[in-house]
């Protein structure tokens, strides 16, 4: 099957950082990113350092997916 005819779907869910990390968190935003053809998920954080994936760092494609979404 040629997968290039069917673009991979990306689901991005934004979470409330205060609910996840507590009231005193300095994190501005938390995103959960799931790619259709990949198991698991990526946690992307935005803080005073910028955007980064908790496991893969700034160069992770999940970070690119968050910045490319409409309204970013």
PDB file of N, CA and C in Angstrom:
ATOM      1  N   UNK A   1       0.852  -1.180   0.000  1.00  0.00           N
ATOM      2  CA  UNK A   1       0.000   0.000   0.000  1.00  0.00           C
ATOM      3  C   UNK A   1       0.892   1.235   0.000  1.00  0.00           C
ATOM      4  N   UNK A   2       0.588   2.180  -0.840  1.00  0.00           N
ATOM      5  CA  UNK A   2       1.364   3.417  -0.902  1.00  0.00           C
ATOM      6  C   UNK A   2       0.796   4.429   0.086  1.00  0.00           C
ATOM      7  N   UNK A   3       1.519   4.648   1.142  1.00  0.00           N
ATOM      8  CA  UNK A   3       1.032   5.537   2.195  1.00  0.00           C
ATOM      9  C   UNK A   3       1.164   7.010   1.830  1.00  0.00           C
ATOM     10  N   UNK A   4       1.985   7.326   0.818  1.00  0.00           N
ATOM     11  CA  UNK A   4       2.143   8.729   0.470  1.00  0.00           C
ATOM     12  C   UNK A   4       0.871   9.316  -0.141  1.00  0.00           C
ATOM     13  N   UNK A   5      -0.075   8.470  -0.561  1.00  0.00           N
ATOM     14  CA  UNK A   5      -1.362   8.960  -1.051  1.00  0.00           C
ATOM     15  C   UNK A   5      -2.286   9.362   0.096  1.00  0.00           C
ATOM     16  N   UNK A   6      -1.987   8.863   1.284  1.00  0.00           N
ATOM     17  CA  UNK A   6      -2.813   9.111   2.451  1.00  0.00           C
ATOM     18  C   UNK A   6      -1.964   9.793   3.515  1.00  0.00           C
ATOM     19  N   UNK A   7      -2.055  11.103   3.628  1.00  0.00           N
ATOM     20  CA  UNK A   7      -1.225  11.788   4.624  1.00  0.00           C
ATOM     21  C   UNK A   7      -1.536  11.298   6.045  1.00  0.00           C
ATOM     22  N   UNK A   8      -0.491  11.172   6.829  1.00  0.00           N
ATOM     23  CA  UNK A   8      -0.638  10.728   8.211  1.00  0.00           C
ATOM     24  C   UNK A   8      -1.423  11.754   9.008  1.00  0.00           C
ATOM     25  N   UNK A   9      -2.403  11.284   9.727  1.00  0.00           N
ATOM     26  CA  UNK A   9      -3.195  12.185  10.554  1.00  0.00           C
ATOM     27  C   UNK A   9      -2.472  12.442  11.867  1.00  0.00           C
ATOM     28  N   UNK A  10      -2.550  13.667  12.305  1.00  0.00           N
ATOM     29  CA  UNK A  10      -1.921  14.082  13.559  1.00  0.00           C
ATOM     30  C   UNK A  10      -3.018  14.636  14.455  1.00  0.00           C
ATOM     31  N   UNK A  11      -3.075  14.143  15.672  1.00  0.00           N
ATOM     32  CA  UNK A  11      -4.037  14.667  16.641  1.00  0.00           C
ATOM     33  C   UNK A  11      -3.277  15.415  17.727  1.00  0.00           C
ATOM     34  N   UNK A  12      -3.674  16.652  17.943  1.00  0.00           N
ATOM     35  CA  UNK A  12      -3.029  17.495  18.956  1.00  0.00           C
ATOM     36  C   UNK A  12      -4.087  17.917  19.962  1.00  0.00           C
ATOM     37  N   UNK A  13      -3.812  17.610  21.210  1.00  0.00           N
ATOM     38  CA  UNK A  13      -4.721  17.982  22.294  1.00  0.00           C
ATOM     39  C   UNK A  13      -3.977  18.915  23.236  1.00  0.00           C
ATOM     40  N   UNK A  14      -4.549  20.071  23.489  1.00  0.00           N
ATOM     41  CA  UNK A  14      -3.927  21.008  24.427  1.00  0.00           C
ATOM     42  C   UNK A  14      -4.513  20.785  25.812  1.00  0.00           C
ATOM     43  N   UNK A  15      -3.645  20.661  26.796  1.00  0.00           N
ATOM     44  CA  UNK A  15      -4.059  20.457  28.182  1.00  0.00           C
ATOM     45  C   UNK A  15      -3.814  21.724  28.988  1.00  0.00           C
ATOM     46  N   UNK A  16      -4.537  21.867  30.066  1.00  0.00           N
ATOM     47  CA  UNK A  16      -4.335  23.002  30.966  1.00  0.00           C
ATOM     48  C   UNK A  16      -3.114  22.701  31.838  1.00  0.00           C
ATOM     49  N   UNK A  17      -2.053  23.502  31.722  1.00  0.00           N
ATOM     50  CA  UNK A  17      -0.838  23.204  32.492  1.00  0.00           C
ATOM     51  C   UNK A  17      -1.052  23.218  33.999  1.00  0.00           C
ATOM     52  N   UNK A  18      -1.972  24.004  34.488  1.00  0.00           N
ATOM     53  CA  UNK A  18      -2.222  24.047  35.935  1.00  0.00           C
ATOM     54  C   UNK A  18      -2.876  22.756  36.425  1.00  0.00           C
ATOM     55  N   UNK A  19      -3.725  22.161  35.579  1.00  0.00           N
ATOM     56  CA  UNK A  19      -4.339  20.879  35.946  1.00  0.00           C
ATOM     57  C   UNK A  19      -3.309  19.759  35.948  1.00  0.00           C
ATOM     58  N   UNK A  20      -2.347  19.819  35.026  1.00  0.00           N
ATOM     59  CA  UNK A  20      -1.365  18.750  34.875  1.00  0.00           C
ATOM     60  C   UNK A  20      -0.188  18.905  35.838  1.00  0.00           C
ATOM     61  N   UNK A  21       0.343  20.131  35.932  1.00  0.00           N
ATOM     62  CA  UNK A  21       1.587  20.345  36.673  1.00  0.00           C
ATOM     63  C   UNK A  21       1.421  21.114  37.984  1.00  0.00           C
ATOM     64  N   UNK A  22       0.226  21.562  38.273  1.00  0.00           N
ATOM     65  CA  UNK A  22      -0.005  22.268  39.529  1.00  0.00           C
ATOM     66  C   UNK A  22      -0.102  23.778  39.354  1.00  0.00           C
ATOM     67  N   UNK A  23      -0.620  24.414  40.366  1.00  0.00           N
ATOM     68  CA  UNK A  23      -0.884  25.860  40.330  1.00  0.00           C
ATOM     69  C   UNK A  23       0.363  26.718  40.146  1.00  0.00           C
ATOM     70  N   UNK A  24       1.500  26.282  40.655  1.00  0.00           N
ATOM     71  CA  UNK A  24       2.710  27.110  40.616  1.00  0.00           C
ATOM     72  C   UNK A  24       3.607  26.829  39.411  1.00  0.00           C
ATOM     73  N   UNK A  25       3.104  26.087  38.436  1.00  0.00           N
ATOM     74  CA  UNK A  25       3.920  25.742  37.285  1.00  0.00           C
ATOM     75  C   UNK A  25       4.293  26.967  36.458  1.00  0.00           C
ATOM     76  N   UNK A  26       5.450  26.918  35.849  1.00  0.00           N
ATOM     77  CA  UNK A  26       5.876  27.969  34.925  1.00  0.00           C
ATOM     78  C   UNK A  26       5.645  27.561  33.476  1.00  0.00           C
ATOM     79  N   UNK A  27       5.122  26.368  33.280  1.00  0.00           N
ATOM     80  CA  UNK A  27       4.808  25.891  31.938  1.00  0.00           C
ATOM     81  C   UNK A  27       3.600  26.673  31.415  1.00  0.00           C
ATOM     82  N   UNK A  28       3.735  27.191  30.196  1.00  0.00           N
ATOM     83  CA  UNK A  28       2.667  27.994  29.597  1.00  0.00           C
ATOM     84  C   UNK A  28       1.631  27.141  28.878  1.00  0.00           C
ATOM     85  N   UNK A  29       2.062  26.011  28.298  1.00  0.00           N
ATOM     86  CA  UNK A  29       1.148  25.141  27.554  1.00  0.00           C
ATOM     87  C   UNK A  29       1.704  23.725  27.529  1.00  0.00           C
ATOM     88  N   UNK A  30       0.802  22.755  27.502  1.00  0.00           N
ATOM     89  CA  UNK A  30       1.164  21.345  27.372  1.00  0.00           C
ATOM     90  C   UNK A  30       0.290  20.750  26.269  1.00  0.00           C
ATOM     91  N   UNK A  31       0.932  20.042  25.346  1.00  0.00           N
ATOM     92  CA  UNK A  31       0.224  19.411  24.243  1.00  0.00           C
ATOM     93  C   UNK A  31       0.516  17.917  24.250  1.00  0.00           C
ATOM     94  N   UNK A  32      -0.491  17.125  23.923  1.00  0.00           N
ATOM     95  CA  UNK A  32      -0.318  15.699  23.690  1.00  0.00           C
ATOM     96  C   UNK A  32      -0.478  15.511  22.189  1.00  0.00           C
ATOM     97  N   UNK A  33       0.545  14.954  21.546  1.00  0.00           N
ATOM     98  CA  UNK A  33       0.550  14.787  20.097  1.00  0.00           C
ATOM     99  C   UNK A  33       0.598  13.301  19.783  1.00  0.00           C
ATOM    100  N   UNK A  34      -0.342  12.873  18.946  1.00  0.00           N
ATOM    101  CA  UNK A  34      -0.395  11.473  18.503  1.00  0.00           C
ATOM    102  C   UNK A  34      -0.361  11.431  16.987  1.00  0.00           C
ATOM    103  N   UNK A  35       0.535  10.609  16.449  1.00  0.00           N
ATOM    104  CA  UNK A  35       0.631  10.390  15.009  1.00  0.00           C
ATOM    105  C   UNK A  35      -0.055   9.067  14.675  1.00  0.00           C
ATOM    106  N   UNK A  36      -0.807   9.067  13.598  1.00  0.00           N
ATOM    107  CA  UNK A  36      -1.614   7.906  13.212  1.00  0.00           C
ATOM    108  C   UNK A  36      -0.780   6.636  13.066  1.00  0.00           C
ATOM    109  N   UNK A  37       0.404   6.722  12.486  1.00  0.00           N
ATOM    110  CA  UNK A  37       1.201   5.532  12.182  1.00  0.00           C
ATOM    111  C   UNK A  37       2.284   5.272  13.219  1.00  0.00           C
ATOM    112  N   UNK A  38       2.101   5.788  14.409  1.00  0.00           N
ATOM    113  CA  UNK A  38       3.109   5.646  15.452  1.00  0.00           C
ATOM    114  C   UNK A  38       2.422   5.256  16.756  1.00  0.00           C
ATOM    115  N   UNK A  39       2.994   4.328  17.456  1.00  0.00           N
ATOM    116  CA  UNK A  39       2.445   3.973  18.767  1.00  0.00           C
ATOM    117  C   UNK A  39       2.852   5.026  19.781  1.00  0.00           C
ATOM    118  N   UNK A  40       2.043   5.173  20.783  1.00  0.00           N
ATOM    119  CA  UNK A  40       2.378   6.100  21.857  1.00  0.00           C
ATOM    120  C   UNK A  40       2.029   7.535  21.538  1.00  0.00           C
ATOM    121  N   UNK A  41       2.563   8.416  22.336  1.00  0.00           N
ATOM    122  CA  UNK A  41       2.274   9.843  22.197  1.00  0.00           C
ATOM    123  C   UNK A  41       3.506  10.647  22.559  1.00  0.00           C
ATOM    124  N   UNK A  42       3.454  11.915  22.202  1.00  0.00           N
ATOM    125  CA  UNK A  42       4.518  12.856  22.543  1.00  0.00           C
ATOM    126  C   UNK A  42       3.918  13.921  23.465  1.00  0.00           C
ATOM    127  N   UNK A  43       4.676  14.303  24.469  1.00  0.00           N
ATOM    128  CA  UNK A  43       4.272  15.412  25.330  1.00  0.00           C
ATOM    129  C   UNK A  43       5.136  16.605  24.945  1.00  0.00           C
ATOM    130  N   UNK A  44       4.476  17.655  24.491  1.00  0.00           N
ATOM    131  CA  UNK A  44       5.186  18.864  24.078  1.00  0.00           C
ATOM    132  C   UNK A  44       4.858  19.964  25.079  1.00  0.00           C
ATOM    133  N   UNK A  45       5.901  20.588  25.583  1.00  0.00           N
ATOM    134  CA  UNK A  45       5.764  21.648  26.581  1.00  0.00           C
ATOM    135  C   UNK A  45       6.201  22.983  25.999  1.00  0.00           C
ATOM    136  N   UNK A  46       5.545  24.043  26.450  1.00  0.00           N
ATOM    137  CA  UNK A  46       5.979  25.393  26.107  1.00  0.00           C
ATOM    138  C   UNK A  46       6.242  26.119  27.426  1.00  0.00           C
ATOM    139  N   UNK A  47       7.484  26.583  27.582  1.00  0.00           N
ATOM    140  CA  UNK A  47       7.847  27.352  28.756  1.00  0.00           C
ATOM    141  C   UNK A  47       8.838  28.434  28.353  1.00  0.00           C
ATOM    142  N   UNK A  48       9.564  28.986  29.305  1.00  0.00           N
ATOM    143  CA  UNK A  48      10.482  30.083  28.985  1.00  0.00           C
ATOM    144  C   UNK A  48      11.644  29.633  28.095  1.00  0.00           C
ATOM    145  N   UNK A  49      11.831  28.322  27.915  1.00  0.00           N
ATOM    146  CA  UNK A  49      12.853  27.805  27.005  1.00  0.00           C
ATOM    147  C   UNK A  49      12.324  27.645  25.580  1.00  0.00           C
ATOM    148  N   UNK A  50      11.004  27.706  25.405  1.00  0.00           N
ATOM    149  CA  UNK A  50      10.381  27.502  24.104  1.00  0.00           C
ATOM    150  C   UNK A  50       9.612  26.195  24.075  1.00  0.00           C
ATOM    151  N   UNK A  51       9.404  25.654  22.886  1.00  0.00           N
ATOM    152  CA  UNK A  51       8.685  24.399  22.712  1.00  0.00           C
ATOM    153  C   UNK A  51       9.664  23.234  22.642  1.00  0.00           C
ATOM    154  N   UNK A  52       9.324  22.123  23.297  1.00  0.00           N
ATOM    155  CA  UNK A  52      10.169  20.934  23.225  1.00  0.00           C
ATOM    156  C   UNK A  52       9.354  19.702  23.595  1.00  0.00           C
ATOM    157  N   UNK A  53       9.731  18.571  23.019  1.00  0.00           N
ATOM    158  CA  UNK A  53       9.139  17.280  23.349  1.00  0.00           C
ATOM    159  C   UNK A  53       9.851  16.753  24.593  1.00  0.00           C
ATOM    160  N   UNK A  54       9.095  16.224  25.523  1.00  0.00           N
ATOM    161  CA  UNK A  54       9.678  15.728  26.769  1.00  0.00           C
ATOM    162  C   UNK A  54      10.688  14.616  26.529  1.00  0.00           C
ATOM    163  N   UNK A  55      10.478  13.801  25.497  1.00  0.00           N
ATOM    164  CA  UNK A  55      11.367  12.667  25.256  1.00  0.00           C
ATOM    165  C   UNK A  55      12.424  12.941  24.188  1.00  0.00           C
ATOM    166  N   UNK A  56      12.074  13.711  23.161  1.00  0.00           N
ATOM    167  CA  UNK A  56      12.959  13.865  22.004  1.00  0.00           C
ATOM    168  C   UNK A  56      13.558  15.259  21.827  1.00  0.00           C
ATOM    169  N   UNK A  57      13.156  16.215  22.622  1.00  0.00           N
ATOM    170  CA  UNK A  57      13.718  17.562  22.528  1.00  0.00           C
ATOM    171  C   UNK A  57      13.089  18.429  21.453  1.00  0.00           C
ATOM    172  N   UNK A  58      13.784  19.489  21.107  1.00  0.00           N
ATOM    173  CA  UNK A  58      13.262  20.495  20.169  1.00  0.00           C
ATOM    174  C   UNK A  58      13.141  20.018  18.726  1.00  0.00           C
ATOM    175  N   UNK A  59      13.938  19.049  18.334  1.00  0.00           N
ATOM    176  CA  UNK A  59      13.950  18.607  16.943  1.00  0.00           C
ATOM    177  C   UNK A  59      12.893  17.546  16.638  1.00  0.00           C
ATOM    178  N   UNK A  60      12.081  17.188  17.597  1.00  0.00           N
ATOM    179  CA  UNK A  60      11.037  16.180  17.416  1.00  0.00           C
ATOM    180  C   UNK A  60       9.977  16.696  16.440  1.00  0.00           C
ATOM    181  N   UNK A  61       9.451  15.792  15.630  1.00  0.00           N
ATOM    182  CA  UNK A  61       8.434  16.207  14.662  1.00  0.00           C
ATOM    183  C   UNK A  61       7.128  16.609  15.336  1.00  0.00           C
ATOM    184  N   UNK A  62       6.908  16.205  16.578  1.00  0.00           N
ATOM    185  CA  UNK A  62       5.729  16.642  17.314  1.00  0.00           C
ATOM    186  C   UNK A  62       5.775  18.138  17.586  1.00  0.00           C
ATOM    187  N   UNK A  63       6.957  18.669  17.844  1.00  0.00           N
ATOM    188  CA  UNK A  63       7.123  20.116  18.041  1.00  0.00           C
ATOM    189  C   UNK A  63       6.764  20.847  16.747  1.00  0.00           C
ATOM    190  N   UNK A  64       7.216  20.319  15.636  1.00  0.00           N
ATOM    191  CA  UNK A  64       6.888  20.920  14.331  1.00  0.00           C
ATOM    192  C   UNK A  64       5.375  20.859  14.073  1.00  0.00           C
ATOM    193  N   UNK A  65       4.744  19.764  14.466  1.00  0.00           N
ATOM    194  CA  UNK A  65       3.294  19.630  14.276  1.00  0.00           C
ATOM    195  C   UNK A  65       2.525  20.661  15.110  1.00  0.00           C
ATOM    196  N   UNK A  66       2.987  20.922  16.322  1.00  0.00           N
ATOM    197  CA  UNK A  66       2.325  21.912  17.169  1.00  0.00           C
ATOM    198  C   UNK A  66       2.487  23.314  16.583  1.00  0.00           C
ATOM    199  N   UNK A  67       3.681  23.640  16.127  1.00  0.00           N
ATOM    200  CA  UNK A  67       3.910  24.989  15.574  1.00  0.00           C
ATOM    201  C   UNK A  67       3.226  25.179  14.230  1.00  0.00           C
ATOM    202  N   UNK A  68       2.976  24.095  13.483  1.00  0.00           N
ATOM    203  CA  UNK A  68       2.352  24.204  12.165  1.00  0.00           C
ATOM    204  C   UNK A  68       0.825  24.232  12.226  1.00  0.00           C
ATOM    205  N   UNK A  69       0.258  23.947  13.364  1.00  0.00           N
ATOM    206  CA  UNK A  69      -1.207  23.897  13.430  1.00  0.00           C
ATOM    207  C   UNK A  69      -1.800  25.295  13.302  1.00  0.00           C
ATOM    208  N   UNK A  70      -2.995  25.377  12.744  1.00  0.00           N
ATOM    209  CA  UNK A  70      -3.646  26.682  12.587  1.00  0.00           C
ATOM    210  C   UNK A  70      -3.851  27.369  13.935  1.00  0.00           C
ATOM    211  N   UNK A  71      -3.618  28.650  13.977  1.00  0.00           N
ATOM    212  CA  UNK A  71      -3.796  29.415  15.202  1.00  0.00           C
ATOM    213  C   UNK A  71      -2.572  29.459  16.100  1.00  0.00           C
ATOM    214  N   UNK A  72      -1.461  28.901  15.658  1.00  0.00           N
ATOM    215  CA  UNK A  72      -0.240  28.906  16.486  1.00  0.00           C
ATOM    216  C   UNK A  72       0.560  30.163  16.286  1.00  0.00           C
TER     217      UNK A  72
END
